[in-house]
Protein backbone atom coordinates (compact mmCIF):
# COMPACT_ATOMS: atom_id res chain seq x y z
CA MET A 1 0.00 0.00 0.00
CA SER A 2 2.74 2.43 0.98
CA GLY A 3 4.71 1.54 -2.15
CA HIS A 4 1.70 2.19 -4.34
CA VAL A 5 1.16 5.63 -2.82
CA GLY A 6 4.74 6.71 -3.47
CA PHE A 7 4.80 5.39 -7.07
CA ARG A 8 5.59 8.01 -9.72
CA VAL A 9 5.32 7.74 -13.49
CA PRO A 10 8.82 7.84 -14.94
CA GLY A 11 9.64 11.15 -16.59
CA SER A 12 6.42 12.84 -15.54
CA GLY A 13 7.28 13.96 -12.02
CA ARG A 14 3.74 13.41 -10.78
CA THR A 15 1.76 10.69 -9.10
CA PRO A 16 -1.22 8.96 -10.73
CA GLY A 17 -4.46 10.85 -10.23
CA SER A 18 -2.74 14.16 -9.67
CA GLY A 19 -3.80 15.32 -13.14
CA GLU A 20 -7.48 14.68 -12.45
CA ARG A 21 -7.25 16.34 -9.06
CA GLY A 22 -5.39 19.25 -10.67
CA ARG A 23 -7.97 19.59 -13.39
CA GLN A 24 -10.77 19.49 -10.83
CA CYS A 25 -9.10 22.08 -8.63
CA GLY A 26 -8.16 24.20 -11.62
CA GLY A 27 -11.70 24.03 -12.95
CA GLU A 28 -13.15 25.05 -9.64
CA GLN A 29 -10.62 27.86 -9.33
CA GLY A 30 -11.35 29.00 -12.88
CA HIS A 31 -15.07 29.14 -12.17
CA GLY A 32 -14.34 31.17 -9.05
CA GLU A 33 -12.19 33.65 -10.94
CA ALA A 34 -14.79 33.98 -13.69
CA ALA A 35 -17.48 34.68 -11.11
CA ALA A 36 -15.37 37.16 -9.19
CA GLY A 37 -13.80 38.81 -12.25
CA PRO A 38 -14.72 42.31 -13.50
CA GLU A 39 -17.86 42.77 -15.51
CA ARG A 40 -17.55 42.91 -19.26
CA PRO A 41 -18.39 46.12 -21.11
CA GLY A 42 -21.95 46.32 -22.26
CA ARG A 43 -23.54 44.85 -19.14
CA ARG A 44 -24.94 46.81 -16.24
CA GLY A 45 -22.66 49.85 -16.28
CA ALA A 46 -23.12 50.69 -19.96
CA GLY A 47 -26.90 50.43 -20.13
CA PRO A 48 -28.02 53.57 -18.25
CA ASP A 49 -25.41 55.74 -19.99
CA ARG A 50 -26.54 54.70 -23.44
CA ALA A 51 -30.17 55.09 -22.49
CA GLY A 52 -29.41 58.61 -21.22
CA PHE A 53 -27.82 59.92 -24.45
CA PRO A 54 -31.04 60.68 -26.39
CA GLY A 55 -32.52 62.65 -23.52
CA GLN A 56 -29.30 64.60 -23.04
CA SER A 57 -29.10 65.50 -26.74
CA VAL A 58 -32.66 66.83 -26.64
CA GLU A 59 -31.79 68.95 -23.61
CA VAL A 60 -28.75 70.39 -25.38
CA LEU A 61 -30.88 71.30 -28.41
CA ASP A 62 -33.70 72.66 -26.29
CA ALA A 63 -31.54 74.90 -24.12
CA SER A 64 -28.86 76.88 -25.91
CA SER A 65 -25.33 76.35 -24.62
CA LEU A 66 -24.34 79.90 -25.58
CA SER A 67 -24.16 82.62 -22.99
CA PHE A 68 -26.87 85.24 -22.80
CA ASN A 69 -24.59 88.00 -24.11
CA THR A 70 -23.61 85.88 -27.13
CA ARG A 71 -27.23 85.00 -27.89
CA LEU A 72 -28.25 88.65 -27.54
CA LYS A 73 -25.42 89.74 -29.83
CA TRP A 74 -26.41 87.29 -32.59
CA PHE A 75 -30.06 88.25 -32.18
CA VAL A 76 -29.19 91.88 -32.83
CA ILE A 77 -26.96 90.96 -35.79
CA CYS A 78 -29.64 88.85 -37.47
CA PHE A 79 -32.38 91.37 -36.75
CA VAL A 80 -30.35 94.28 -38.13
CA CYS A 81 -29.43 92.22 -41.21
CA GLY A 82 -33.13 91.47 -41.72
CA ILE A 83 -34.03 95.16 -41.60
CA PHE A 84 -31.13 96.02 -43.90
CA PHE A 85 -32.12 93.43 -46.51
CA SER A 86 -35.75 94.58 -46.42
CA ILE A 87 -34.80 98.25 -46.89
CA LEU A 88 -32.31 97.32 -49.62
CA GLY A 89 -34.93 95.31 -51.45
CA THR A 90 -37.41 98.18 -51.20
CA GLY A 91 -34.83 100.54 -52.67
CA LEU A 92 -34.06 98.18 -55.53
CA LEU A 93 -37.77 97.92 -56.30
CA TRP A 94 -37.69 101.28 -58.10
CA LEU A 95 -34.94 100.21 -60.48
CA PRO A 96 -35.78 98.78 -63.91
CA GLY A 97 -36.53 95.11 -63.39
CA GLY A 98 -35.96 95.49 -59.67
CA ILE A 99 -38.99 93.42 -58.64
CA LYS A 100 -36.88 90.26 -58.73
CA LEU A 101 -34.22 91.79 -56.49
CA PHE A 102 -36.88 93.19 -54.19
CA ALA A 103 -38.51 89.77 -53.81
CA VAL A 104 -35.21 88.04 -53.08
CA PHE A 105 -33.87 90.59 -50.58
CA TYR A 106 -37.23 91.05 -48.88
CA THR A 107 -37.52 87.28 -48.39
CA PHE A 108 -33.97 87.03 -47.03
CA GLY A 109 -34.74 89.90 -44.68
CA ASN A 110 -37.77 88.15 -43.26
CA LEU A 111 -35.83 84.90 -42.92
CA ALA A 112 -33.03 86.68 -41.05
CA ALA A 113 -35.53 88.38 -38.73
CA LEU A 114 -37.22 85.03 -38.08
CA ALA A 115 -33.87 83.33 -37.42
CA SER A 116 -32.88 86.02 -34.93
CA THR A 117 -35.40 84.78 -32.38
CA CYS A 118 -33.81 81.31 -32.50
CA PHE A 119 -30.81 82.71 -30.64
CA LEU A 120 -33.03 83.94 -27.81
CA MET A 121 -35.33 80.93 -27.40
CA GLY A 122 -33.31 78.11 -28.94
CA PRO A 123 -34.17 76.29 -32.19
CA VAL A 124 -36.31 73.52 -30.68
CA LYS A 125 -38.37 75.89 -28.54
CA GLN A 126 -38.76 78.21 -31.51
CA LEU A 127 -40.13 75.40 -33.70
CA LYS A 128 -42.50 74.27 -30.95
CA LYS A 129 -43.90 77.78 -30.61
CA MET A 130 -44.15 78.26 -34.36
CA PHE A 131 -46.30 75.16 -34.83
CA GLU A 132 -48.64 75.64 -31.89
CA THR A 133 -52.31 75.64 -32.77
CA THR A 134 -52.68 79.39 -32.22
CA ARG A 135 -50.16 80.25 -34.94
CA LEU A 136 -50.04 77.08 -37.05
CA LEU A 137 -51.96 78.51 -40.01
CA ALA A 138 -49.94 81.74 -40.06
CA THR A 139 -46.68 79.78 -39.89
CA ILE A 140 -47.60 77.50 -42.80
CA ILE A 141 -48.73 80.41 -44.99
CA MET A 142 -45.61 82.39 -44.10
CA LEU A 143 -43.22 79.54 -44.96
CA LEU A 144 -45.07 78.79 -48.20
CA CYS A 145 -44.87 82.45 -49.18
CA PHE A 146 -41.11 82.40 -48.60
CA VAL A 147 -40.73 79.46 -50.97
CA PHE A 148 -43.18 80.70 -53.60
CA THR A 149 -41.64 84.20 -53.65
CA LEU A 150 -38.20 82.81 -54.43
CA CYS A 151 -39.64 80.42 -57.01
CA ALA A 152 -41.60 83.17 -58.74
CA ALA A 153 -38.63 85.54 -58.79
CA LEU A 154 -35.78 83.17 -59.66
CA TRP A 155 -37.28 80.23 -61.58
CA TRP A 156 -40.76 81.13 -62.83
CA HIS A 157 -39.78 84.73 -63.72
CA LYS A 158 -43.25 85.99 -62.81
CA LYS A 159 -42.82 89.46 -61.37
CA GLY A 160 -46.49 89.89 -60.54
CA LEU A 161 -46.59 86.63 -58.56
CA ALA A 162 -43.38 87.56 -56.75
CA LEU A 163 -44.87 90.88 -55.68
CA LEU A 164 -48.12 89.19 -54.60
CA PHE A 165 -46.23 86.65 -52.49
CA CYS A 166 -44.22 89.47 -50.89
CA ILE A 167 -47.48 91.11 -49.82
CA LEU A 168 -48.71 87.78 -48.44
CA GLN A 169 -45.37 87.43 -46.64
CA PHE A 170 -45.91 90.75 -44.93
CA LEU A 171 -49.48 89.92 -43.90
CA SER A 172 -48.73 86.39 -42.67
CA MET A 173 -45.60 87.44 -40.78
CA THR A 174 -47.48 90.32 -39.16
CA TRP A 175 -50.27 87.97 -38.08
CA TYR A 176 -47.64 85.50 -36.83
CA SER A 177 -45.85 88.18 -34.81
CA LEU A 178 -49.10 89.43 -33.28
CA SER A 179 -49.73 85.96 -31.83
CA TYR A 180 -46.95 86.57 -29.30
CA ILE A 181 -48.67 89.71 -27.97
CA PRO A 182 -51.67 88.98 -25.72
CA TYR A 183 -55.01 90.13 -27.17
CA ALA A 184 -53.25 91.82 -30.13
CA ARG A 185 -55.08 89.73 -32.69
CA ASP A 186 -58.43 90.43 -31.05
CA ALA A 187 -57.71 94.16 -31.16
CA VAL A 188 -56.80 94.01 -34.85
CA ILE A 189 -59.95 92.02 -35.67
CA LYS A 190 -62.11 94.55 -33.81
CA CYS A 191 -60.46 97.46 -35.58
CA CYS A 192 -60.90 95.86 -38.99
CA SER A 193 -64.51 94.95 -38.28
CA SER A 194 -65.29 98.47 -37.10
CA LEU A 195 -63.69 99.96 -40.21
CA LEU A 196 -65.62 97.62 -42.49
CA SER A 197 -68.88 98.29 -40.70
């Protein structure tokens, strides 16, 4: 019995059965290390961060990351450019064939004035306010007039249509702007009804 216990395989340096015991111990140790090892990427830690990205991107778009002074500066720049383009277009109207230039510059002036408020409110908030039910119709007519004015002036070469769409631009943008002033639309409707009556 004692001789059998001390028997070694020649050249191997180990006793019979030590390989099985080693494999069993090694397997148990390997399972323990796998259980206690660090978590792989993409399990618990990565889930909440990925789920939070869409909400964070919406917040960044909704609230401008620029400082108030920067936003105010760009608001003034865009607003002044809008007034300048409108006045320039009105001056070019009296030149021969200046209706096309008037339509283009007047449209760019209104677009610049409309873009100026994006720096104060932020683009997402601006779009939400533009397409609210109280000003939805005015917004759609205003945007369509922008497109049709440029089409009539640059591609269709219809000066009369370009001038008509400029007038509709003015009316729709005025009605759109009045929606931000409380009771301004009601006052305009009463004044117009009293004049017509």
